[in-house]
Protein backbone atom coordinates (compact mmCIF):
# COMPACT_ATOMS: atom_id res chain seq x y z
CA MET A 1 104.99 -155.51 -37.14
CA LYS A 2 108.74 -155.13 -37.14
CA GLU A 3 110.43 -155.85 -33.80
CA HIS A 4 111.88 -152.30 -33.42
CA GLU A 5 108.67 -150.45 -34.44
CA PRO A 6 107.27 -148.63 -31.35
CA MET A 7 103.77 -149.18 -30.07
CA GLU A 8 101.30 -146.27 -30.33
CA ALA A 9 101.74 -145.33 -26.66
CA GLU A 10 105.54 -145.33 -27.10
CA ARG A 11 105.31 -142.88 -30.01
CA HIS A 12 103.63 -140.28 -27.78
CA PRO A 13 104.74 -141.00 -24.23
CA LYS A 14 103.90 -137.44 -23.06
CA ALA A 15 100.51 -137.08 -24.75
CA PRO A 16 98.18 -135.30 -22.32
CA VAL A 17 95.21 -137.14 -20.92
CA PRO A 18 91.96 -135.32 -21.83
CA LYS A 19 90.38 -133.64 -18.83
CA THR A 20 86.71 -133.10 -18.18
CA ARG A 21 85.91 -129.39 -18.20
CA THR A 22 83.97 -128.07 -15.24
CA PRO A 23 81.29 -125.36 -15.55
CA GLY A 24 83.42 -122.83 -13.69
CA PRO A 25 85.28 -120.98 -12.46
CA TYR A 26 82.36 -118.90 -11.21
CA PRO A 27 79.69 -120.71 -9.17
CA LEU A 28 76.11 -119.55 -9.63
CA PRO A 29 74.94 -117.75 -6.48
CA PRO A 30 71.30 -117.77 -5.42
CA ARG A 31 69.17 -115.34 -7.42
CA GLU A 32 68.61 -113.19 -4.33
CA ARG A 33 72.34 -112.44 -4.26
CA ARG A 34 72.57 -111.54 -7.95
CA THR A 35 72.18 -108.12 -9.57
CA GLY A 36 69.48 -108.24 -12.22
CA LEU A 37 70.28 -106.10 -15.25
CA VAL A 38 68.30 -104.60 -18.13
CA LEU A 39 70.35 -105.05 -21.30
CA ILE A 40 69.34 -103.34 -24.55
CA TYR A 41 70.62 -104.13 -28.04
CA THR A 42 69.50 -101.59 -30.63
CA GLY A 43 70.70 -99.95 -33.86
CA ASN A 44 70.24 -100.53 -37.60
CA GLY A 45 72.76 -103.36 -37.93
CA LYS A 46 72.23 -107.11 -37.92
CA GLY A 47 73.00 -109.01 -34.75
CA LYS A 48 70.67 -107.73 -32.04
CA THR A 49 68.56 -110.86 -31.69
CA THR A 50 71.71 -112.92 -32.27
CA ALA A 51 73.40 -111.22 -29.30
CA ALA A 52 70.36 -111.92 -27.13
CA LEU A 53 70.40 -115.58 -28.17
CA GLY A 54 74.07 -115.73 -27.19
CA LEU A 55 73.20 -114.48 -23.70
CA LEU A 56 70.37 -117.00 -23.52
CA LEU A 57 72.74 -119.83 -24.44
CA ARG A 58 75.30 -118.67 -21.86
CA ALA A 59 72.66 -118.47 -19.15
CA VAL A 60 71.36 -121.96 -19.91
CA GLY A 61 74.93 -123.22 -19.79
CA ARG A 62 75.13 -121.90 -16.23
CA GLY A 63 72.04 -123.84 -15.24
CA MET A 64 69.80 -120.78 -15.39
CA GLN A 65 66.23 -120.78 -16.64
CA ALA A 66 65.70 -118.55 -19.69
CA ALA A 67 63.00 -117.70 -22.23
CA MET A 68 62.49 -115.42 -25.23
CA TYR A 69 59.31 -113.70 -26.41
CA GLN A 70 59.26 -112.15 -29.90
CA PHE A 71 56.97 -109.17 -30.51
CA VAL A 72 57.21 -108.82 -34.29
CA LYS A 73 58.42 -112.10 -35.81
CA THR A 74 55.46 -113.94 -37.27
CA THR A 75 54.01 -117.02 -35.62
CA ASP A 76 53.79 -119.08 -38.84
CA VAL A 77 57.54 -119.28 -39.56
CA GLU A 78 59.77 -121.60 -37.53
CA ARG A 79 63.28 -120.20 -37.42
CA GLY A 80 66.49 -121.84 -36.40
CA GLU A 81 66.35 -120.39 -32.89
CA HIS A 82 62.97 -122.05 -32.31
CA VAL A 83 64.31 -125.47 -33.25
CA GLY A 84 67.56 -125.03 -31.33
CA ALA A 85 65.82 -123.70 -28.23
CA ARG A 86 63.38 -126.60 -28.24
CA ARG A 87 66.30 -129.03 -28.22
CA LEU A 88 67.68 -127.21 -25.17
CA GLY A 89 64.31 -127.20 -23.46
CA VAL A 90 64.08 -123.41 -23.71
CA GLU A 91 60.92 -121.51 -24.59
CA VAL A 92 61.16 -119.15 -27.59
CA VAL A 93 57.74 -117.81 -28.55
CA SER A 94 56.81 -115.67 -31.56
CA MET A 95 53.62 -113.64 -31.12
CA GLY A 96 53.83 -111.06 -33.93
CA ALA A 97 52.40 -110.70 -37.41
CA GLY A 98 55.56 -109.86 -39.36
CA PHE A 99 57.37 -106.59 -39.77
CA THR A 100 55.23 -103.48 -39.47
CA TRP A 101 56.15 -101.94 -42.81
CA LEU A 102 54.48 -104.97 -44.41
CA SER A 103 51.48 -104.87 -42.09
CA GLU A 104 47.95 -104.36 -43.35
CA SER A 105 46.49 -103.62 -39.91
CA ILE A 106 48.26 -101.45 -37.35
CA GLU A 107 45.44 -102.08 -34.88
CA GLU A 108 46.04 -105.81 -35.18
CA ASP A 109 49.75 -105.23 -34.55
CA ARG A 110 48.86 -103.21 -31.46
CA ARG A 111 46.56 -105.95 -30.18
CA LEU A 112 49.21 -108.62 -30.71
CA ALA A 113 51.83 -106.47 -28.98
CA ARG A 114 49.60 -106.08 -25.93
CA GLU A 115 48.91 -109.82 -25.87
CA CYS A 116 52.62 -110.53 -26.07
CA TRP A 117 53.36 -108.02 -23.31
CA ALA A 118 50.76 -109.58 -21.03
CA ARG A 119 52.47 -112.94 -21.48
CA CYS A 120 55.89 -111.35 -20.94
CA ALA A 121 54.77 -109.71 -17.70
CA GLU A 122 53.33 -113.00 -16.46
CA ALA A 123 56.54 -114.88 -17.27
CA LEU A 124 58.72 -112.20 -15.71
CA HIS A 125 56.85 -112.16 -12.41
CA SER A 126 56.39 -115.93 -12.21
CA GLY A 127 59.81 -116.19 -10.63
CA LYS A 128 60.61 -119.10 -12.93
CA TYR A 129 63.20 -117.38 -15.10
CA ASP A 130 66.66 -116.02 -14.42
CA LEU A 131 66.87 -114.33 -17.83
CA VAL A 132 64.04 -113.24 -20.13
CA VAL A 133 64.50 -111.83 -23.63
CA PHE A 134 61.92 -109.42 -25.06
CA ASP A 135 62.86 -109.52 -28.73
CA GLU A 136 61.74 -106.43 -30.73
CA LEU A 137 60.02 -104.80 -27.74
CA THR A 138 61.59 -101.53 -28.90
CA TYR A 139 59.09 -101.30 -31.77
CA ALA A 140 56.11 -101.63 -29.45
CA LEU A 141 57.39 -98.69 -27.43
CA ALA A 142 58.51 -96.57 -30.38
CA TYR A 143 55.16 -96.96 -32.16
CA GLY A 144 53.11 -96.31 -29.04
CA TRP A 145 51.62 -99.79 -28.84
CA LEU A 146 52.80 -99.97 -25.23
CA ASP A 147 53.22 -97.24 -22.64
CA HIS A 148 56.72 -96.62 -21.27
CA ASP A 149 55.58 -96.19 -17.67
CA GLU A 150 53.58 -99.41 -17.82
CA VAL A 151 56.56 -101.36 -19.14
CA PHE A 152 59.03 -99.81 -16.72
CA SER A 153 56.83 -100.48 -13.69
CA VAL A 154 56.63 -104.17 -14.67
CA LEU A 155 60.39 -104.38 -15.14
CA GLU A 156 61.10 -102.64 -11.83
CA ALA A 157 58.83 -105.03 -9.95
CA ARG A 158 60.47 -108.18 -11.34
CA PRO A 159 61.97 -110.72 -8.93
CA LYS A 160 65.39 -109.80 -7.60
CA GLY A 161 68.32 -110.99 -9.67
CA THR A 162 66.34 -111.45 -12.89
CA HIS A 163 68.00 -110.25 -16.10
CA VAL A 164 65.94 -108.72 -18.91
CA VAL A 165 67.26 -108.40 -22.47
CA ILE A 166 65.46 -106.07 -24.92
CA THR A 167 66.25 -105.94 -28.63
CA GLY A 168 65.20 -104.03 -31.73
CA ARG A 169 65.72 -100.86 -33.70
CA LYS A 170 64.36 -97.47 -32.67
CA ALA A 171 65.09 -97.72 -28.96
CA THR A 172 63.52 -94.60 -27.45
CA GLU A 173 65.40 -92.12 -25.28
CA GLU A 174 63.32 -93.23 -22.32
CA LEU A 175 64.26 -96.87 -22.83
CA VAL A 176 67.94 -96.07 -23.27
CA GLU A 177 67.88 -94.05 -20.06
CA PHE A 178 66.18 -96.91 -18.22
CA GLY A 179 68.58 -99.64 -19.32
CA ASP A 180 71.70 -100.69 -17.43
CA LEU A 181 73.64 -101.76 -20.53
CA VAL A 182 72.91 -100.37 -23.99
CA SER A 183 74.73 -101.51 -27.12
CA GLU A 184 74.13 -100.02 -30.56
CA VAL A 185 74.72 -102.34 -33.52
CA GLN A 186 75.59 -100.33 -36.63
CA GLU A 187 75.59 -101.66 -40.17
CA VAL A 188 78.91 -101.28 -41.95
CA LYS A 189 78.33 -103.78 -44.74
CA HIS A 190 75.54 -106.23 -45.52
CA PRO A 191 75.34 -108.84 -48.31
CA TYR A 192 71.77 -107.80 -49.10
CA ARG A 193 73.01 -104.38 -50.16
CA THR A 194 76.31 -105.44 -51.68
CA ARG A 195 75.26 -108.70 -53.38
CA GLY A 196 71.47 -108.74 -53.28
CA LEU A 197 71.47 -111.82 -51.05
CA GLY A 198 68.39 -112.51 -48.97
CA ALA A 199 68.15 -114.10 -45.54
CA GLN A 200 70.36 -117.17 -45.12
CA PRO A 201 69.56 -120.32 -43.09
CA GLY A 202 71.58 -120.38 -39.89
CA ILE A 203 72.31 -116.66 -40.19
CA GLU A 204 68.95 -114.92 -40.28
CA LEU A 205 66.61 -117.91 -40.42
């Protein structure tokens, strides 16, 4: 090395020292001091389950316990969220038989929906979770597989400070009225319609 050539530290004497980021600035208060919300993501556009997964990730990042139960997605397909959640130690459970317009047995769909709801109610009232996602619950209500009053009574009796996220198309007027936050996702453009592209890994799968 030439005598006048500066050392690496001399080239960047003011280079900032990396700092460790803290999980703040908002500390997590005890659940009893939190306001539990019912959040609903509906509409005909893509992104409802994705939004719920984003909330799940944020909650886990805050040290909260979270879980997702899927009413329609079939049990025999492992999607990206199942693998990712397992790596985070989060429960994401599919209990459906596929989308209803492909179903060969509405009664079987109804039975599966009621089984899923029983598990959801148990999880919700266990007191274990800070945030629970009921993915595609809207269909079970819209198609009459579950009774609104039954669902609402379970949600109202949940432990204080527990958040519930509900996703799916066809959110009923009763459900919209019941929710604290309701977002409608509308399709503007989709590659399936414009380019004939099917579901993509990491996007839908």
